[in-house]
C-alpha atoms as a PDB file:
ATOM      1  CA  MET A   1      41.229 134.267  29.233  1.00  0.00           C
ATOM      2  CA  VAL A   2      40.662 137.229  31.539  1.00  0.00           C
ATOM      3  CA  LYS A   3      41.333 136.009  35.055  1.00  0.00           C
ATOM      4  CA  LEU A   4      39.158 138.512  36.885  1.00  0.00           C
ATOM      5  CA  ILE A   5      37.540 135.784  38.889  1.00  0.00           C
ATOM      6  CA  GLU A   6      40.360 134.035  40.639  1.00  0.00           C
ATOM      7  CA  LYS A   7      39.360 131.840  43.585  1.00  0.00           C
ATOM      8  CA  ASP A   8      40.222 134.692  45.967  1.00  0.00           C
ATOM      9  CA  PHE A   9      37.855 137.066  44.190  1.00  0.00           C
ATOM     10  CA  GLU A  10      35.119 134.515  43.542  1.00  0.00           C
ATOM     11  CA  LYS A  11      34.461 134.069  47.249  1.00  0.00           C
ATOM     12  CA  PHE A  12      33.318 137.711  47.356  1.00  0.00           C
ATOM     13  CA  ILE A  13      30.587 137.063  44.770  1.00  0.00           C
ATOM     14  CA  HIS A  14      27.208 135.885  46.044  1.00  0.00           C
ATOM     15  CA  PRO A  15      26.973 132.101  45.554  1.00  0.00           C
ATOM     16  CA  LYS A  16      23.801 132.430  43.441  1.00  0.00           C
ATOM     17  CA  ASP A  17      25.576 134.866  41.078  1.00  0.00           C
ATOM     18  CA  ARG A  18      28.899 133.058  40.568  1.00  0.00           C
ATOM     19  CA  GLU A  19      27.907 130.960  37.572  1.00  0.00           C
ATOM     20  CA  MET A  20      26.351 133.955  35.797  1.00  0.00           C
ATOM     21  CA  VAL A  21      29.502 136.021  36.425  1.00  0.00           C
ATOM     22  CA  ARG A  22      31.643 133.178  35.032  1.00  0.00           C
ATOM     23  CA  GLU A  23      29.439 133.029  31.923  1.00  0.00           C
ATOM     24  CA  ASN A  24      29.743 136.772  31.400  1.00  0.00           C
ATOM     25  CA  LEU A  25      33.516 136.527  31.679  1.00  0.00           C
ATOM     26  CA  LYS A  26      33.401 134.076  28.779  1.00  0.00           C
ATOM     27  CA  LYS A  27      31.363 136.668  26.878  1.00  0.00           C
ATOM     28  CA  VAL A  28      34.056 139.266  27.600  1.00  0.00           C
ATOM     29  CA  ASN A  29      36.665 136.957  26.047  1.00  0.00           C
ATOM     30  CA  GLU A  30      34.440 136.391  23.025  1.00  0.00           C
ATOM     31  CA  SER A  31      33.428 140.035  22.652  1.00  0.00           C
ATOM     32  CA  GLY A  32      34.245 142.017  19.562  1.00  0.00           C
ATOM     33  CA  PHE A  33      36.273 145.194  19.302  1.00  0.00           C
ATOM     34  CA  GLY A  34      34.626 148.017  21.247  1.00  0.00           C
ATOM     35  CA  GLU A  35      31.922 145.720  22.636  1.00  0.00           C
ATOM     36  CA  SER A  36      31.070 146.091  26.322  1.00  0.00           C
ATOM     37  CA  VAL A  37      29.755 143.321  28.520  1.00  0.00           C
ATOM     38  CA  GLU A  38      27.601 144.256  31.495  1.00  0.00           C
ATOM     39  CA  THR A  39      27.105 142.065  34.550  1.00  0.00           C
ATOM     40  CA  VAL A  40      24.895 142.781  37.560  1.00  0.00           C
ATOM     41  CA  PHE A  41      25.643 140.745  40.657  1.00  0.00           C
ATOM     42  CA  ARG A  42      25.998 140.853  44.435  1.00  0.00           C
ATOM     43  CA  LEU A  43      29.418 141.499  45.900  1.00  0.00           C
ATOM     44  CA  LYS A  44      30.291 140.736  49.507  1.00  0.00           C
ATOM     45  CA  LYS A  45      30.597 143.856  51.636  1.00  0.00           C
ATOM     46  CA  SER A  46      31.019 142.238  55.044  1.00  0.00           C
ATOM     47  CA  LYS A  47      30.559 138.805  56.595  1.00  0.00           C
ATOM     48  CA  GLN A  48      26.798 138.708  56.056  1.00  0.00           C
ATOM     49  CA  GLU A  49      26.101 141.689  53.811  1.00  0.00           C
ATOM     50  CA  TYR A  50      26.166 141.942  50.040  1.00  0.00           C
ATOM     51  CA  THR A  51      25.848 144.973  47.814  1.00  0.00           C
ATOM     52  CA  TRP A  52      24.504 145.015  44.269  1.00  0.00           C
ATOM     53  CA  VAL A  53      27.044 146.127  41.675  1.00  0.00           C
ATOM     54  CA  ARG A  54      27.129 146.640  37.939  1.00  0.00           C
ATOM     55  CA  LEU A  55      30.348 145.648  36.216  1.00  0.00           C
ATOM     56  CA  ILE A  56      31.000 146.820  32.665  1.00  0.00           C
ATOM     57  CA  GLN A  57      34.018 145.322  30.902  1.00  0.00           C
ATOM     58  CA  GLN A  58      35.639 145.912  27.559  1.00  0.00           C
ATOM     59  CA  VAL A  59      38.729 144.162  26.191  1.00  0.00           C
ATOM     60  CA  PHE A  60      41.365 146.561  24.888  1.00  0.00           C
ATOM     61  CA  ASP A  61      44.351 144.242  24.407  1.00  0.00           C
ATOM     62  CA  ARG A  62      44.584 140.667  23.112  1.00  0.00           C
ATOM     63  CA  ASP A  63      47.443 138.338  22.375  1.00  0.00           C
ATOM     64  CA  ASN A  64      48.128 136.947  18.876  1.00  0.00           C
ATOM     65  CA  SER A  65      45.674 134.096  19.406  1.00  0.00           C
ATOM     66  CA  GLY A  66      42.870 136.478  20.438  1.00  0.00           C
ATOM     67  CA  ILE A  67      42.985 135.806  24.168  1.00  0.00           C
ATOM     68  CA  ALA A  68      42.060 138.889  26.192  1.00  0.00           C
ATOM     69  CA  LEU A  69      45.076 140.268  28.034  1.00  0.00           C
ATOM     70  CA  LYS A  70      43.762 143.563  29.392  1.00  0.00           C
ATOM     71  CA  THR A  71      40.320 144.946  30.025  1.00  0.00           C
ATOM     72  CA  VAL A  72      38.890 148.251  31.075  1.00  0.00           C
ATOM     73  CA  LEU A  73      36.254 147.866  33.699  1.00  0.00           C
ATOM     74  CA  SER A  74      33.821 150.018  35.562  1.00  0.00           C
ATOM     75  CA  LEU A  75      32.245 148.886  38.820  1.00  0.00           C
ATOM     76  CA  GLU A  76      29.249 150.789  40.168  1.00  0.00           C
ATOM     77  CA  ASP A  77      27.275 150.258  43.386  1.00  0.00           C
ATOM     78  CA  ILE A  78      23.627 149.950  42.326  1.00  0.00           C
ATOM     79  CA  SER A  79      22.184 148.754  45.646  1.00  0.00           C
ATOM     80  CA  ASP A  80      19.804 151.711  45.950  1.00  0.00           C
ATOM     81  CA  ARG A  81      18.502 151.101  42.436  1.00  0.00           C
ATOM     82  CA  MET A  82      17.999 147.386  43.091  1.00  0.00           C
ATOM     83  CA  GLN A  83      16.216 148.127  46.373  1.00  0.00           C
ATOM     84  CA  LEU A  84      13.880 150.527  44.553  1.00  0.00           C
ATOM     85  CA  GLN A  85      13.276 147.928  41.884  1.00  0.00           C
ATOM     86  CA  GLU A  86      12.366 145.324  44.518  1.00  0.00           C
ATOM     87  CA  GLN A  87      10.005 147.794  46.203  1.00  0.00           C
ATOM     88  CA  LEU A  88       8.360 148.604  42.871  1.00  0.00           C
ATOM     89  CA  LEU A  89       7.889 144.928  42.091  1.00  0.00           C
ATOM     90  CA  SER A  90       6.366 144.403  45.528  1.00  0.00           C
ATOM     91  CA  HIS A  91       3.953 147.297  44.971  1.00  0.00           C
ATOM     92  CA  VAL A  92       3.012 145.980  41.535  1.00  0.00           C
ATOM     93  CA  GLN A  93       2.237 142.560  43.018  1.00  0.00           C
ATOM     94  CA  LYS A  94       0.085 144.150  45.731  1.00  0.00           C
ATOM     95  CA  LEU A  95      -1.761 146.248  43.148  1.00  0.00           C
ATOM     96  CA  ARG A  96      -2.400 143.161  41.035  1.00  0.00           C
ATOM     97  CA  LYS A  97      -3.877 141.371  44.045  1.00  0.00           C
ATOM     98  CA  ILE A  98      -6.063 144.378  44.861  1.00  0.00           C
ATOM     99  CA  SER A  99      -7.130 144.610  41.231  1.00  0.00           C
ATOM    100  CA  PHE A 100      -7.987 140.917  41.133  1.00  0.00           C
ATOM    101  CA  VAL A 101     -10.081 141.089  44.302  1.00  0.00           C
ATOM    102  CA  ASN A 102     -11.814 144.298  43.260  1.00  0.00           C
ATOM    103  CA  PHE A 103     -12.458 142.986  39.777  1.00  0.00           C
ATOM    104  CA  HIS A 104     -14.143 139.829  41.051  1.00  0.00           C
ATOM    105  CA  GLU A 105     -16.128 141.604  43.745  1.00  0.00           C
ATOM    106  CA  LEU A 106     -17.340 144.250  41.308  1.00  0.00           C
ATOM    107  CA  ARG A 107     -18.124 141.628  38.717  1.00  0.00           C
ATOM    108  CA  ASP A 108     -20.273 139.770  41.239  1.00  0.00           C
ATOM    109  CA  LEU A 109     -22.162 142.958  42.114  1.00  0.00           C
ATOM    110  CA  ILE A 110     -22.677 143.814  38.453  1.00  0.00           C
ATOM    111  CA  SER A 111     -23.978 140.322  37.833  1.00  0.00           C
ATOM    112  CA  VAL A 112     -26.540 140.672  40.621  1.00  0.00           C
ATOM    113  CA  ILE A 113     -27.674 144.098  39.400  1.00  0.00           C
ATOM    114  CA  THR A 114     -27.891 142.856  35.804  1.00  0.00           C
ATOM    115  CA  ARG A 115     -30.091 139.919  36.825  1.00  0.00           C
ATOM    116  CA  LEU A 116     -32.283 142.251  38.852  1.00  0.00           C
ATOM    117  CA  VAL A 117     -32.660 144.663  35.908  1.00  0.00           C
ATOM    118  CA  ASP A 118     -33.474 141.760  33.557  1.00  0.00           C
ATOM    119  CA  PHE A 119     -36.081 140.546  36.020  1.00  0.00           C
ATOM    120  CA  ILE A 120     -37.626 144.041  36.222  1.00  0.00           C
ATOM    121  CA  LEU A 121     -37.691 144.334  32.422  1.00  0.00           C
ATOM    122  CA  LYS A 122     -39.703 141.115  32.185  1.00  0.00           C
ATOM    123  CA  MET A 123     -42.396 142.635  34.371  1.00  0.00           C
ATOM    124  CA  GLU A 124     -45.197 144.322  32.498  1.00  0.00           C
ATOM    125  CA  SER A 125     -46.556 146.482  35.275  1.00  0.00           C
ATOM    126  CA  PHE A 126     -44.641 149.707  34.723  1.00  0.00           C
ATOM    127  CA  SER A 127     -44.810 152.618  32.355  1.00  0.00           C
ATOM    128  CA  ASN A 128     -42.757 153.278  29.226  1.00  0.00           C
ATOM    129  CA  THR A 129     -40.911 156.010  31.106  1.00  0.00           C
ATOM    130  CA  ASP A 130     -39.973 153.529  33.825  1.00  0.00           C
ATOM    131  CA  ARG A 131     -38.926 150.997  31.182  1.00  0.00           C
ATOM    132  CA  THR A 132     -36.739 153.662  29.518  1.00  0.00           C
ATOM    133  CA  LEU A 133     -35.082 154.421  32.841  1.00  0.00           C
ATOM    134  CA  VAL A 134     -34.434 150.736  33.524  1.00  0.00           C
ATOM    135  CA  MET A 135     -32.997 150.296  30.009  1.00  0.00           C
ATOM    136  CA  HIS A 136     -30.720 153.267  30.632  1.00  0.00           C
ATOM    137  CA  LEU A 137     -29.634 151.642  33.899  1.00  0.00           C
ATOM    138  CA  LYS A 138     -28.924 148.396  32.036  1.00  0.00           C
ATOM    139  CA  ARG A 139     -26.757 150.175  29.416  1.00  0.00           C
ATOM    140  CA  SER A 140     -24.899 151.990  32.206  1.00  0.00           C
ATOM    141  CA  ILE A 141     -24.211 148.704  33.981  1.00  0.00           C
ATOM    142  CA  GLU A 142     -22.937 147.156  30.746  1.00  0.00           C
ATOM    143  CA  GLU A 143     -20.664 150.151  30.193  1.00  0.00           C
ATOM    144  CA  LEU A 144     -19.397 149.930  33.776  1.00  0.00           C
ATOM    145  CA  ASN A 145     -18.728 146.230  33.312  1.00  0.00           C
ATOM    146  CA  HIS A 146     -16.750 146.968  30.137  1.00  0.00           C
ATOM    147  CA  LYS A 147     -14.668 149.638  31.916  1.00  0.00           C
ATOM    148  CA  ILE A 148     -13.927 147.307  34.822  1.00  0.00           C
ATOM    149  CA  HIS A 149     -12.729 144.646  32.365  1.00  0.00           C
ATOM    150  CA  SER A 150     -10.535 147.232  30.626  1.00  0.00           C
ATOM    151  CA  LEU A 151      -9.013 148.337  33.922  1.00  0.00           C
ATOM    152  CA  ASN A 152      -8.373 144.761  34.935  1.00  0.00           C
ATOM    153  CA  ASP A 153      -6.666 144.089  31.594  1.00  0.00           C
ATOM    154  CA  LEU A 154      -4.307 147.005  32.294  1.00  0.00           C
ATOM    155  CA  CYS A 155      -3.307 145.450  35.625  1.00  0.00           C
ATOM    156  CA  THR A 156      -2.605 141.969  34.350  1.00  0.00           C
END
């Protein structure tokens, strides 16, 4: 088995990532010819600071029983990428909250306007032209309601 994670090296891996790194090492040993195994984890940079890295490994030499003897590996610092990803996720969560609030507030307003229009349509004391205008307003409100639902569906 590839002994990349000796006890000395393991202490440099973030405690929450150690088990996943161990599992991926097993995958490296079980990988087929030319197959690469990628692992993303946090690697200790200083006493309190970790950096995100991407490790890609590929076995290129095995013993007669198939145990991996040598691997080629590439280690890349992806901290900036992970930070961007976290920021994007944070922004998406904020946008979802805004969308939720806006959706419900708009829906409440549309409901009030719809009830008002329905009430007006039940009245008989206005002209056909006025009734046509109110019906147009009602169709516009229904269309607006549909568009708000569509926008909300995009955000969820």
